[in-house]
């Protein structure tokens, strides 16, 4: 299964959908339990947002009898992290290490000049 980066970014762009993911990362919840977490929203609204999260691959529903348990799937976020964030973070960390070395070597040179 391939990850649609655009669908994941669109899904996570909405604060309610991020809040749903926050609830589901703690434990799987039935749709009713999830709706109870957002009493200010009606069931249809929560279910529409769940649908967007499902299409993005962030929520995986599992039916057990009459209940539908919604499980959080972090893999699409991990794929985005590996593609977009990880390489940039590594480059930034490398740049910071280079700056640290330059500053430390500059301090060593300055202290040697003061003593000399």
Protein backbone atom coordinates (compact mmCIF):
# COMPACT_ATOMS: atom_id res chain seq x y z
CA UNK A 1 0.00 0.00 0.00
CA UNK A 2 1.43 3.36 -0.97
CA UNK A 3 0.98 6.43 1.15
CA UNK A 4 -0.67 9.50 -0.38
CA UNK A 5 1.32 12.33 1.24
CA UNK A 6 -1.26 14.91 0.18
CA UNK A 7 -4.11 12.98 1.80
CA UNK A 8 -2.12 12.65 5.05
CA UNK A 9 -1.23 16.36 5.12
CA UNK A 10 -4.86 17.31 4.37
CA UNK A 11 -6.13 14.98 7.07
CA UNK A 12 -3.73 16.39 9.67
CA UNK A 13 -4.44 20.00 8.67
CA UNK A 14 -7.71 19.95 10.62
CA UNK A 15 -7.54 20.44 14.42
CA UNK A 16 -10.46 18.07 15.13
CA UNK A 17 -8.85 15.31 13.10
CA UNK A 18 -5.57 15.84 14.99
CA UNK A 19 -7.53 15.61 18.25
CA UNK A 20 -9.14 12.36 17.06
CA UNK A 21 -5.68 10.97 16.30
CA UNK A 22 -4.52 12.05 19.77
CA UNK A 23 -7.40 10.11 21.35
CA UNK A 24 -6.79 7.03 19.21
CA UNK A 25 -3.04 6.91 19.78
CA UNK A 26 -3.76 6.15 23.44
CA UNK A 27 -6.00 3.14 22.67
CA UNK A 28 -8.47 1.92 20.04
CA UNK A 29 -11.96 3.32 20.55
CA UNK A 30 -15.36 2.43 19.22
CA UNK A 31 -17.05 5.10 17.18
CA UNK A 32 -19.45 5.76 20.07
CA UNK A 33 -16.58 6.14 22.54
CA UNK A 34 -14.83 8.50 20.15
CA UNK A 35 -17.98 10.59 19.74
CA UNK A 36 -18.20 10.85 23.53
CA UNK A 37 -14.72 12.41 23.55
CA UNK A 38 -16.10 15.31 21.49
CA UNK A 39 -19.50 16.18 23.03
CA UNK A 40 -19.54 19.56 21.25
CA UNK A 41 -19.67 17.74 17.87
CA UNK A 42 -22.50 15.61 16.55
CA UNK A 43 -21.93 11.98 15.56
CA UNK A 44 -22.15 12.72 11.82
CA UNK A 45 -19.38 15.30 12.05
CA UNK A 46 -17.07 12.94 13.93
CA UNK A 47 -17.81 10.15 11.45
CA UNK A 48 -17.08 12.41 8.47
CA UNK A 49 -13.71 13.30 9.98
CA UNK A 50 -13.05 9.61 10.69
CA UNK A 51 -13.69 8.94 7.01
CA UNK A 52 -11.03 11.47 5.98
CA UNK A 53 -8.58 9.88 8.42
CA UNK A 54 -9.40 6.40 7.07
CA UNK A 55 -8.85 7.45 3.45
CA UNK A 56 -5.48 8.91 4.47
CA UNK A 57 -4.59 5.59 6.12
CA UNK A 58 -4.33 7.14 9.59
CA UNK A 59 -7.26 5.20 11.05
CA UNK A 60 -7.95 1.52 10.54
CA UNK A 61 -11.43 0.34 11.52
CA UNK A 62 -11.87 -3.19 12.84
CA UNK A 63 -15.34 -4.66 13.30
CA UNK A 64 -15.96 -6.89 16.31
CA UNK A 65 -19.55 -7.99 16.31
CA UNK A 66 -21.71 -4.90 16.17
CA UNK A 67 -18.93 -2.59 17.29
CA UNK A 68 -16.39 -0.86 15.12
CA UNK A 69 -13.05 -0.20 16.81
CA UNK A 70 -10.93 2.57 15.33
CA UNK A 71 -7.17 2.02 15.55
CA UNK A 72 -4.58 4.74 14.97
CA UNK A 73 -2.03 3.90 12.27
CA UNK A 74 1.16 5.96 12.60
CA UNK A 75 2.85 4.49 9.51
CA UNK A 76 1.77 7.27 7.10
CA UNK A 77 3.28 9.84 9.47
CA UNK A 78 6.48 7.77 9.76
CA UNK A 79 6.76 7.60 5.96
CA UNK A 80 6.42 11.40 5.75
CA UNK A 81 8.97 11.80 8.53
CA UNK A 82 11.48 9.60 6.72
CA UNK A 83 10.95 11.38 3.42
CA UNK A 84 10.64 15.01 4.47
CA UNK A 85 11.71 15.60 8.06
CA UNK A 86 14.50 13.11 8.74
CA UNK A 87 16.88 14.22 5.95
CA UNK A 88 16.36 17.90 6.76
CA UNK A 89 16.84 17.32 10.48
CA UNK A 90 20.05 15.38 9.79
CA UNK A 91 21.37 18.22 7.61
CA UNK A 92 20.48 20.79 10.28
CA UNK A 93 22.15 18.72 13.02
CA UNK A 94 25.24 18.32 10.86
CA UNK A 95 25.39 22.08 10.34
CA UNK A 96 25.07 22.69 14.07
CA UNK A 97 27.89 20.23 14.80
CA UNK A 98 30.11 22.02 12.27
CA UNK A 99 29.30 25.38 13.87
CA UNK A 100 30.07 23.97 17.32
CA UNK A 101 33.47 22.68 16.13
CA UNK A 102 34.29 26.04 14.55
CA UNK A 103 33.28 27.96 17.67
CA UNK A 104 35.24 25.63 19.94
CA UNK A 105 38.35 25.84 17.76
CA UNK A 106 37.97 29.63 17.70
CA UNK A 107 37.77 29.70 21.51
CA UNK A 108 40.89 27.54 21.75
CA UNK A 109 42.77 29.89 19.41
CA UNK A 110 41.59 32.95 21.31
CA UNK A 111 42.62 31.52 24.69
CA UNK A 112 46.06 30.56 23.30
CA UNK A 113 46.55 34.14 22.03
CA UNK A 114 45.59 35.56 25.45
CA UNK A 115 48.15 33.32 27.19
CA UNK A 116 50.89 33.88 24.63
